[in-house]
Protein backbone atom coordinates (compact mmCIF):
# COMPACT_ATOMS: atom_id res chain seq x y z
CA MET A 1 -90.83 118.73 -14.42
CA GLU A 2 -89.00 118.18 -11.13
CA GLU A 3 -90.50 115.87 -8.58
CA LEU A 4 -91.18 117.09 -5.06
CA ILE A 5 -89.24 114.98 -2.56
CA THR A 6 -91.23 114.17 0.55
CA LYS A 7 -90.86 111.72 3.41
CA ARG A 8 -92.97 109.24 1.39
CA ASN A 9 -90.52 109.27 -1.49
CA LYS A 10 -89.08 105.80 -2.13
CA ASP A 11 -85.46 106.99 -1.93
CA VAL A 12 -86.08 108.89 1.30
CA VAL A 13 -87.80 105.88 2.90
CA THR A 14 -84.94 103.60 1.82
CA PHE A 15 -82.37 106.04 3.19
CA PHE A 16 -84.02 106.24 6.60
CA GLU A 17 -84.47 102.46 6.79
CA SER A 18 -80.76 102.05 6.10
CA LEU A 19 -79.98 104.69 8.69
CA GLU A 20 -82.05 102.82 11.30
CA GLU A 21 -80.17 99.60 10.53
CA LEU A 22 -76.86 101.42 10.91
CA ILE A 23 -77.93 102.85 14.27
CA VAL A 24 -78.85 99.38 15.53
CA CYS A 25 -75.49 97.97 14.38
CA LEU A 26 -73.60 100.80 16.05
CA GLU A 27 -75.53 100.41 19.30
CA ASP A 28 -74.76 96.66 19.34
CA THR A 29 -71.10 97.36 18.69
CA PHE A 30 -70.86 99.92 21.48
CA GLU A 31 -72.59 97.56 23.92
CA GLU A 32 -70.11 94.78 23.17
CA THR A 33 -66.98 96.92 23.01
CA ARG A 34 -65.06 97.89 26.08
CA PRO A 35 -62.19 100.37 26.16
CA LEU A 36 -58.66 99.03 26.26
CA LEU A 37 -56.52 99.54 29.33
CA ASN A 38 -52.90 100.13 28.44
CA ALA A 39 -53.55 98.47 25.05
CA GLU A 40 -54.80 95.29 26.77
CA ARG A 41 -58.34 93.95 26.67
CA TYR A 42 -59.55 92.50 29.93
CA LEU A 43 -62.29 89.90 30.29
CA THR A 44 -65.34 90.45 32.43
CA ASP A 45 -66.15 88.03 35.22
CA LYS A 46 -68.92 86.60 33.03
CA GLU A 47 -66.52 85.96 30.15
CA VAL A 48 -63.98 84.29 32.47
CA SER A 49 -66.61 82.12 34.13
CA ASP A 50 -67.94 81.06 30.72
CA ARG A 51 -64.46 80.12 29.52
CA LEU A 52 -63.63 78.21 32.71
CA LYS A 53 -67.12 76.67 32.79
CA VAL A 54 -67.69 77.67 36.41
CA SER A 55 -70.27 79.91 38.01
CA ARG A 56 -69.50 83.53 38.70
CA ARG A 57 -69.82 82.76 42.42
CA THR A 58 -67.22 79.99 42.16
CA LEU A 59 -64.97 82.39 40.29
CA GLN A 60 -65.01 84.72 43.31
CA ASP A 61 -63.47 81.95 45.43
CA TYR A 62 -60.54 81.34 43.05
CA PRO A 63 -57.22 82.62 44.39
CA ALA A 64 -55.77 85.51 42.39
CA PRO A 65 -52.55 83.68 41.30
CA VAL A 66 -54.60 80.95 39.63
CA LEU A 67 -56.33 83.57 37.51
CA GLY A 68 -53.07 85.34 36.70
CA ILE A 69 -53.88 88.43 38.74
């Protein structure tokens, strides 16, 4: 006799749990990923300030040639 598949079925529950995990992973990836401009990836002001170990406000005062702009 064939079993009736419902939303309480173990396989269905496992499938939807896996789907939820995938959705969370994709959302995290899309939040962290920025589009490329002319095949180059540019840093945000936060990323630059973290790498230079200065505040974002201090970064605003840096002259453009120092930053390679």
